[in-house]
């Protein structure tokens, strides 16, 4: 997928409304019972960024951004200010366990750890925020491991592959690859400097799009 490594202006992101979503088909039986089929095993978030627009200057910024993405032709990065961090100092997120041979680990965020946990793939960790630990020992990027910031995959270098049973954990911030839903940007003008945009939906991109 083609995703431009650029984000919306912060004020517009912070005013966005939306969140995570799944798709499930539900069949209601004659008895009133249900049969449910989970069609999406992975989350796909949606947001409306129009709520963050407060001025003509904001509209101008979004319009320029819309032009540069060719509407929904190219993706871009989005920070969901309600959920953009993994772990914290003293409680890093475990993402895997070493085998002595396994060199690559996908960054994930785990929700409700345990029997029913959901592991969310993190494809866009934010440069400069990532900390990687092996058995609680902080490692150094480029020396002990490298990171693909377009897939969220950590690769340990030769001689630094985690030994069998050692935990690999991370702390980082992350962005979400998204695209505009609409092909047209609808702007309502009431007079010269009074404008509004009724809706500007964006939708999360999965790694195969």
C-alpha atoms as a PDB file:
ATOM      1  CA  UNK A   1       0.000   0.000   0.000  1.00  0.00           C
ATOM      2  CA  UNK A   2       1.213   3.543  -0.729  1.00  0.00           C
ATOM      3  CA  UNK A   3       1.160   5.590   2.441  1.00  0.00           C
ATOM      4  CA  UNK A   4       2.739   9.024   2.559  1.00  0.00           C
ATOM      5  CA  UNK A   5       4.785   9.412   5.779  1.00  0.00           C
ATOM      6  CA  UNK A   6       2.981  12.585   6.839  1.00  0.00           C
ATOM      7  CA  UNK A   7       0.297  13.400   9.400  1.00  0.00           C
ATOM      8  CA  UNK A   8      -2.555  15.874   9.592  1.00  0.00           C
ATOM      9  CA  UNK A   9      -2.091  19.062  11.640  1.00  0.00           C
ATOM     10  CA  UNK A  10      -2.181  18.167  15.347  1.00  0.00           C
ATOM     11  CA  UNK A  11      -5.180  20.366  16.227  1.00  0.00           C
ATOM     12  CA  UNK A  12      -7.306  18.639  13.577  1.00  0.00           C
ATOM     13  CA  UNK A  13      -6.244  15.169  14.705  1.00  0.00           C
ATOM     14  CA  UNK A  14      -7.056  15.969  18.326  1.00  0.00           C
ATOM     15  CA  UNK A  15     -10.565  17.041  17.373  1.00  0.00           C
ATOM     16  CA  UNK A  16     -11.358  13.888  15.387  1.00  0.00           C
ATOM     17  CA  UNK A  17     -14.289  11.686  16.368  1.00  0.00           C
ATOM     18  CA  UNK A  18     -14.267   7.921  15.889  1.00  0.00           C
ATOM     19  CA  UNK A  19     -12.524   4.750  16.953  1.00  0.00           C
ATOM     20  CA  UNK A  20     -12.009   1.014  16.366  1.00  0.00           C
ATOM     21  CA  UNK A  21     -14.470  -1.176  14.481  1.00  0.00           C
ATOM     22  CA  UNK A  22     -15.062  -4.775  13.439  1.00  0.00           C
ATOM     23  CA  UNK A  23     -17.502  -6.452  11.053  1.00  0.00           C
ATOM     24  CA  UNK A  24     -19.758  -9.260  12.273  1.00  0.00           C
ATOM     25  CA  UNK A  25     -22.716 -10.843  10.482  1.00  0.00           C
ATOM     26  CA  UNK A  26     -25.589 -11.595  12.872  1.00  0.00           C
ATOM     27  CA  UNK A  27     -28.430 -13.934  11.982  1.00  0.00           C
ATOM     28  CA  UNK A  28     -31.459 -13.754  14.277  1.00  0.00           C
ATOM     29  CA  UNK A  29     -33.173 -17.142  14.512  1.00  0.00           C
ATOM     30  CA  UNK A  30     -36.911 -17.725  14.780  1.00  0.00           C
ATOM     31  CA  UNK A  31     -36.380 -18.619  18.430  1.00  0.00           C
ATOM     32  CA  UNK A  32     -34.826 -15.220  19.086  1.00  0.00           C
ATOM     33  CA  UNK A  33     -31.363 -16.694  19.414  1.00  0.00           C
ATOM     34  CA  UNK A  34     -28.432 -15.520  17.316  1.00  0.00           C
ATOM     35  CA  UNK A  35     -25.711 -16.909  15.134  1.00  0.00           C
ATOM     36  CA  UNK A  36     -22.717 -14.649  14.754  1.00  0.00           C
ATOM     37  CA  UNK A  37     -19.899 -14.799  12.214  1.00  0.00           C
ATOM     38  CA  UNK A  38     -16.880 -12.565  12.796  1.00  0.00           C
ATOM     39  CA  UNK A  39     -15.914 -11.456   9.289  1.00  0.00           C
ATOM     40  CA  UNK A  40     -12.985  -9.227  10.272  1.00  0.00           C
ATOM     41  CA  UNK A  41     -10.391 -10.789  12.547  1.00  0.00           C
ATOM     42  CA  UNK A  42      -8.504  -7.493  12.604  1.00  0.00           C
ATOM     43  CA  UNK A  43      -9.692  -4.100  13.736  1.00  0.00           C
ATOM     44  CA  UNK A  44     -10.368  -1.319  11.215  1.00  0.00           C
ATOM     45  CA  UNK A  45     -10.812   2.126  12.704  1.00  0.00           C
ATOM     46  CA  UNK A  46     -12.809   5.000  11.263  1.00  0.00           C
ATOM     47  CA  UNK A  47     -12.774   8.676  12.223  1.00  0.00           C
ATOM     48  CA  UNK A  48     -14.347  11.939  11.117  1.00  0.00           C
ATOM     49  CA  UNK A  49     -11.757  14.708  11.175  1.00  0.00           C
ATOM     50  CA  UNK A  50     -14.231  17.503  10.403  1.00  0.00           C
ATOM     51  CA  UNK A  51     -14.847  17.961  14.148  1.00  0.00           C
ATOM     52  CA  UNK A  52     -11.295  19.270  14.519  1.00  0.00           C
ATOM     53  CA  UNK A  53     -11.807  22.101  12.022  1.00  0.00           C
ATOM     54  CA  UNK A  54     -12.293  25.386  13.848  1.00  0.00           C
ATOM     55  CA  UNK A  55     -11.302  28.056  11.329  1.00  0.00           C
ATOM     56  CA  UNK A  56     -10.795  28.904   7.665  1.00  0.00           C
ATOM     57  CA  UNK A  57      -7.078  28.299   8.203  1.00  0.00           C
ATOM     58  CA  UNK A  58      -7.884  24.739   9.299  1.00  0.00           C
ATOM     59  CA  UNK A  59      -9.998  24.245   6.171  1.00  0.00           C
ATOM     60  CA  UNK A  60      -7.141  25.537   4.024  1.00  0.00           C
ATOM     61  CA  UNK A  61      -4.761  23.052   5.694  1.00  0.00           C
ATOM     62  CA  UNK A  62      -7.113  20.114   5.140  1.00  0.00           C
ATOM     63  CA  UNK A  63      -7.797  21.169   1.556  1.00  0.00           C
ATOM     64  CA  UNK A  64      -4.056  21.262   0.792  1.00  0.00           C
ATOM     65  CA  UNK A  65      -3.657  17.872   2.469  1.00  0.00           C
ATOM     66  CA  UNK A  66      -6.572  16.470   0.440  1.00  0.00           C
ATOM     67  CA  UNK A  67      -5.060  17.718  -2.820  1.00  0.00           C
ATOM     68  CA  UNK A  68      -1.643  16.219  -2.001  1.00  0.00           C
ATOM     69  CA  UNK A  69      -3.183  12.798  -1.264  1.00  0.00           C
ATOM     70  CA  UNK A  70      -5.228  12.959  -4.519  1.00  0.00           C
ATOM     71  CA  UNK A  71      -8.329  12.432  -2.363  1.00  0.00           C
ATOM     72  CA  UNK A  72      -8.230   8.720  -1.463  1.00  0.00           C
ATOM     73  CA  UNK A  73      -5.465   7.874  -3.930  1.00  0.00           C
ATOM     74  CA  UNK A  74      -2.736   7.800  -1.271  1.00  0.00           C
ATOM     75  CA  UNK A  75      -2.805   6.927   2.384  1.00  0.00           C
ATOM     76  CA  UNK A  76      -1.292   8.974   5.188  1.00  0.00           C
ATOM     77  CA  UNK A  77      -0.530   8.641   8.874  1.00  0.00           C
ATOM     78  CA  UNK A  78      -3.019   9.402  11.616  1.00  0.00           C
ATOM     79  CA  UNK A  79      -2.544   9.703  15.365  1.00  0.00           C
ATOM     80  CA  UNK A  80      -5.557   8.501  17.331  1.00  0.00           C
ATOM     81  CA  UNK A  81      -5.145  10.624  20.440  1.00  0.00           C
ATOM     82  CA  UNK A  82      -7.340   8.225  22.405  1.00  0.00           C
ATOM     83  CA  UNK A  83      -4.965   5.301  21.754  1.00  0.00           C
ATOM     84  CA  UNK A  84      -1.411   5.878  20.514  1.00  0.00           C
ATOM     85  CA  UNK A  85       0.932   4.303  23.087  1.00  0.00           C
ATOM     86  CA  UNK A  86       2.218   0.824  23.902  1.00  0.00           C
ATOM     87  CA  UNK A  87       3.525   0.071  27.384  1.00  0.00           C
ATOM     88  CA  UNK A  88       5.254   2.429  29.787  1.00  0.00           C
ATOM     89  CA  UNK A  89       8.469   2.520  31.769  1.00  0.00           C
ATOM     90  CA  UNK A  90       8.338  -0.438  34.132  1.00  0.00           C
ATOM     91  CA  UNK A  91       5.537  -2.153  32.210  1.00  0.00           C
ATOM     92  CA  UNK A  92       6.745  -2.733  28.654  1.00  0.00           C
ATOM     93  CA  UNK A  93       4.473  -4.711  26.327  1.00  0.00           C
ATOM     94  CA  UNK A  94       5.687  -8.277  25.750  1.00  0.00           C
ATOM     95  CA  UNK A  95       5.553  -9.077  22.025  1.00  0.00           C
ATOM     96  CA  UNK A  96       7.227 -12.471  21.953  1.00  0.00           C
ATOM     97  CA  UNK A  97       9.575 -15.018  23.460  1.00  0.00           C
ATOM     98  CA  UNK A  98      12.958 -15.984  22.104  1.00  0.00           C
ATOM     99  CA  UNK A  99      13.725 -19.420  20.726  1.00  0.00           C
ATOM    100  CA  UNK A 100      17.420 -18.928  20.089  1.00  0.00           C
ATOM    101  CA  UNK A 101      16.742 -18.935  16.348  1.00  0.00           C
ATOM    102  CA  UNK A 102      13.854 -16.496  15.886  1.00  0.00           C
ATOM    103  CA  UNK A 103      15.249 -13.110  14.841  1.00  0.00           C
ATOM    104  CA  UNK A 104      12.128 -11.161  13.831  1.00  0.00           C
ATOM    105  CA  UNK A 105       9.308  -9.942  16.048  1.00  0.00           C
ATOM    106  CA  UNK A 106       6.180  -8.028  15.030  1.00  0.00           C
ATOM    107  CA  UNK A 107       5.225  -5.104  17.254  1.00  0.00           C
ATOM    108  CA  UNK A 108       1.732  -5.622  18.669  1.00  0.00           C
ATOM    109  CA  UNK A 109      -0.459  -4.002  21.282  1.00  0.00           C
ATOM    110  CA  UNK A 110      -2.316  -6.479  23.487  1.00  0.00           C
ATOM    111  CA  UNK A 111      -5.761  -5.633  24.835  1.00  0.00           C
ATOM    112  CA  UNK A 112      -7.176  -7.570  27.806  1.00  0.00           C
ATOM    113  CA  UNK A 113      -4.227  -9.937  28.254  1.00  0.00           C
ATOM    114  CA  UNK A 114      -5.203 -13.506  29.064  1.00  0.00           C
ATOM    115  CA  UNK A 115      -7.744 -15.969  27.727  1.00  0.00           C
ATOM    116  CA  UNK A 116      -9.583 -13.520  25.454  1.00  0.00           C
ATOM    117  CA  UNK A 117      -6.758 -11.152  24.557  1.00  0.00           C
ATOM    118  CA  UNK A 118      -6.678  -9.269  21.270  1.00  0.00           C
ATOM    119  CA  UNK A 119      -3.291  -8.563  19.673  1.00  0.00           C
ATOM    120  CA  UNK A 120      -3.351  -5.536  17.390  1.00  0.00           C
ATOM    121  CA  UNK A 121      -0.680  -5.342  14.704  1.00  0.00           C
ATOM    122  CA  UNK A 122       1.292  -2.097  14.912  1.00  0.00           C
ATOM    123  CA  UNK A 123       2.545  -1.195  11.444  1.00  0.00           C
ATOM    124  CA  UNK A 124       3.761   2.352  12.026  1.00  0.00           C
ATOM    125  CA  UNK A 125       5.768   2.788  15.246  1.00  0.00           C
ATOM    126  CA  UNK A 126       6.852   6.410  15.646  1.00  0.00           C
ATOM    127  CA  UNK A 127      10.554   7.025  15.049  1.00  0.00           C
ATOM    128  CA  UNK A 128      12.373   8.097  18.192  1.00  0.00           C
ATOM    129  CA  UNK A 129       9.846   6.615  20.629  1.00  0.00           C
ATOM    130  CA  UNK A 130      10.700   2.908  20.425  1.00  0.00           C
ATOM    131  CA  UNK A 131      12.397   1.113  23.318  1.00  0.00           C
ATOM    132  CA  UNK A 132      13.148  -2.606  22.993  1.00  0.00           C
ATOM    133  CA  UNK A 133      13.903  -4.860  25.948  1.00  0.00           C
ATOM    134  CA  UNK A 134      15.103  -8.467  26.109  1.00  0.00           C
ATOM    135  CA  UNK A 135      14.421  -9.945  29.544  1.00  0.00           C
ATOM    136  CA  UNK A 136      14.004  -6.373  30.873  1.00  0.00           C
ATOM    137  CA  UNK A 137      17.416  -5.304  29.521  1.00  0.00           C
ATOM    138  CA  UNK A 138      17.224  -2.274  27.209  1.00  0.00           C
ATOM    139  CA  UNK A 139      18.746  -2.879  23.782  1.00  0.00           C
ATOM    140  CA  UNK A 140      20.190  -0.396  21.294  1.00  0.00           C
ATOM    141  CA  UNK A 141      18.773   0.173  17.830  1.00  0.00           C
ATOM    142  CA  UNK A 142      21.159  -0.573  14.926  1.00  0.00           C
ATOM    143  CA  UNK A 143      23.551  -2.297  17.368  1.00  0.00           C
ATOM    144  CA  UNK A 144      21.279  -5.040  18.709  1.00  0.00           C
ATOM    145  CA  UNK A 145      18.341  -4.752  16.316  1.00  0.00           C
ATOM    146  CA  UNK A 146      16.866  -2.863  13.368  1.00  0.00           C
ATOM    147  CA  UNK A 147      13.272  -1.729  12.816  1.00  0.00           C
ATOM    148  CA  UNK A 148      11.161  -1.461   9.686  1.00  0.00           C
ATOM    149  CA  UNK A 149       9.045   1.611  10.424  1.00  0.00           C
ATOM    150  CA  UNK A 150       6.627   0.711   7.619  1.00  0.00           C
ATOM    151  CA  UNK A 151       5.753  -2.763   8.942  1.00  0.00           C
ATOM    152  CA  UNK A 152       6.523  -2.664  12.668  1.00  0.00           C
ATOM    153  CA  UNK A 153       8.918  -5.611  12.405  1.00  0.00           C
ATOM    154  CA  UNK A 154      11.949  -5.730  14.692  1.00  0.00           C
ATOM    155  CA  UNK A 155      14.924  -7.778  13.457  1.00  0.00           C
ATOM    156  CA  UNK A 156      17.714  -8.680  15.857  1.00  0.00           C
ATOM    157  CA  UNK A 157      21.217  -8.600  14.437  1.00  0.00           C
ATOM    158  CA  UNK A 158      23.628 -11.541  14.330  1.00  0.00           C
ATOM    159  CA  UNK A 159      24.887 -12.433  17.771  1.00  0.00           C
ATOM    160  CA  UNK A 160      21.968 -10.626  19.444  1.00  0.00           C
ATOM    161  CA  UNK A 161      19.093 -13.007  18.713  1.00  0.00           C
ATOM    162  CA  UNK A 162      17.116 -13.568  21.950  1.00  0.00           C
ATOM    163  CA  UNK A 163      17.948 -16.871  23.611  1.00  0.00           C
ATOM    164  CA  UNK A 164      15.291 -19.504  24.240  1.00  0.00           C
ATOM    165  CA  UNK A 165      12.766 -18.379  26.847  1.00  0.00           C
ATOM    166  CA  UNK A 166      13.823 -14.725  26.992  1.00  0.00           C
ATOM    167  CA  UNK A 167      10.986 -12.227  26.612  1.00  0.00           C
ATOM    168  CA  UNK A 168      11.026  -9.434  24.034  1.00  0.00           C
ATOM    169  CA  UNK A 169       9.092  -6.323  25.084  1.00  0.00           C
ATOM    170  CA  UNK A 170       8.574  -2.806  23.730  1.00  0.00           C
ATOM    171  CA  UNK A 171       7.479   0.686  24.636  1.00  0.00           C
ATOM    172  CA  UNK A 172       6.547   3.078  21.834  1.00  0.00           C
ATOM    173  CA  UNK A 173       4.054   5.438  20.281  1.00  0.00           C
ATOM    174  CA  UNK A 174       2.378   4.493  17.014  1.00  0.00           C
ATOM    175  CA  UNK A 175       0.504   6.041  14.118  1.00  0.00           C
ATOM    176  CA  UNK A 176      -2.236   4.424  12.030  1.00  0.00           C
ATOM    177  CA  UNK A 177      -2.153   4.278   8.206  1.00  0.00           C
ATOM    178  CA  UNK A 178      -5.437   5.711   6.885  1.00  0.00           C
ATOM    179  CA  UNK A 179      -6.976   7.197   3.738  1.00  0.00           C
ATOM    180  CA  UNK A 180      -9.772   9.607   2.969  1.00  0.00           C
ATOM    181  CA  UNK A 181     -13.069   7.820   2.300  1.00  0.00           C
ATOM    182  CA  UNK A 182     -14.475  10.466  -0.039  1.00  0.00           C
ATOM    183  CA  UNK A 183     -13.340  11.357  -3.526  1.00  0.00           C
ATOM    184  CA  UNK A 184     -14.740  14.867  -3.112  1.00  0.00           C
ATOM    185  CA  UNK A 185     -14.171  17.414  -0.365  1.00  0.00           C
ATOM    186  CA  UNK A 186     -17.470  19.177   0.299  1.00  0.00           C
ATOM    187  CA  UNK A 187     -17.038  22.688   1.730  1.00  0.00           C
ATOM    188  CA  UNK A 188     -20.051  24.790   2.693  1.00  0.00           C
ATOM    189  CA  UNK A 189     -19.466  28.551   2.287  1.00  0.00           C
ATOM    190  CA  UNK A 190     -21.901  30.970   3.916  1.00  0.00           C
ATOM    191  CA  UNK A 191     -19.830  34.075   3.283  1.00  0.00           C
ATOM    192  CA  UNK A 192     -16.217  34.968   2.498  1.00  0.00           C
ATOM    193  CA  UNK A 193     -14.577  33.874   5.753  1.00  0.00           C
ATOM    194  CA  UNK A 194     -17.308  31.608   7.098  1.00  0.00           C
ATOM    195  CA  UNK A 195     -16.958  28.030   5.933  1.00  0.00           C
ATOM    196  CA  UNK A 196     -17.563  24.560   7.274  1.00  0.00           C
ATOM    197  CA  UNK A 197     -17.013  20.973   6.168  1.00  0.00           C
ATOM    198  CA  UNK A 198     -19.937  18.739   7.180  1.00  0.00           C
ATOM    199  CA  UNK A 199     -17.956  15.495   7.208  1.00  0.00           C
ATOM    200  CA  UNK A 200     -14.458  14.248   6.361  1.00  0.00           C
ATOM    201  CA  UNK A 201     -14.279  10.525   7.126  1.00  0.00           C
ATOM    202  CA  UNK A 202     -10.994   8.626   7.114  1.00  0.00           C
ATOM    203  CA  UNK A 203     -10.586   4.839   7.377  1.00  0.00           C
ATOM    204  CA  UNK A 204      -7.744   2.630   8.560  1.00  0.00           C
ATOM    205  CA  UNK A 205      -5.695   0.759   5.959  1.00  0.00           C
ATOM    206  CA  UNK A 206      -4.627  -2.804   6.539  1.00  0.00           C
ATOM    207  CA  UNK A 207      -1.175  -3.982   5.475  1.00  0.00           C
ATOM    208  CA  UNK A 208      -2.453  -5.670   2.285  1.00  0.00           C
ATOM    209  CA  UNK A 209      -4.232  -2.594   0.882  1.00  0.00           C
END
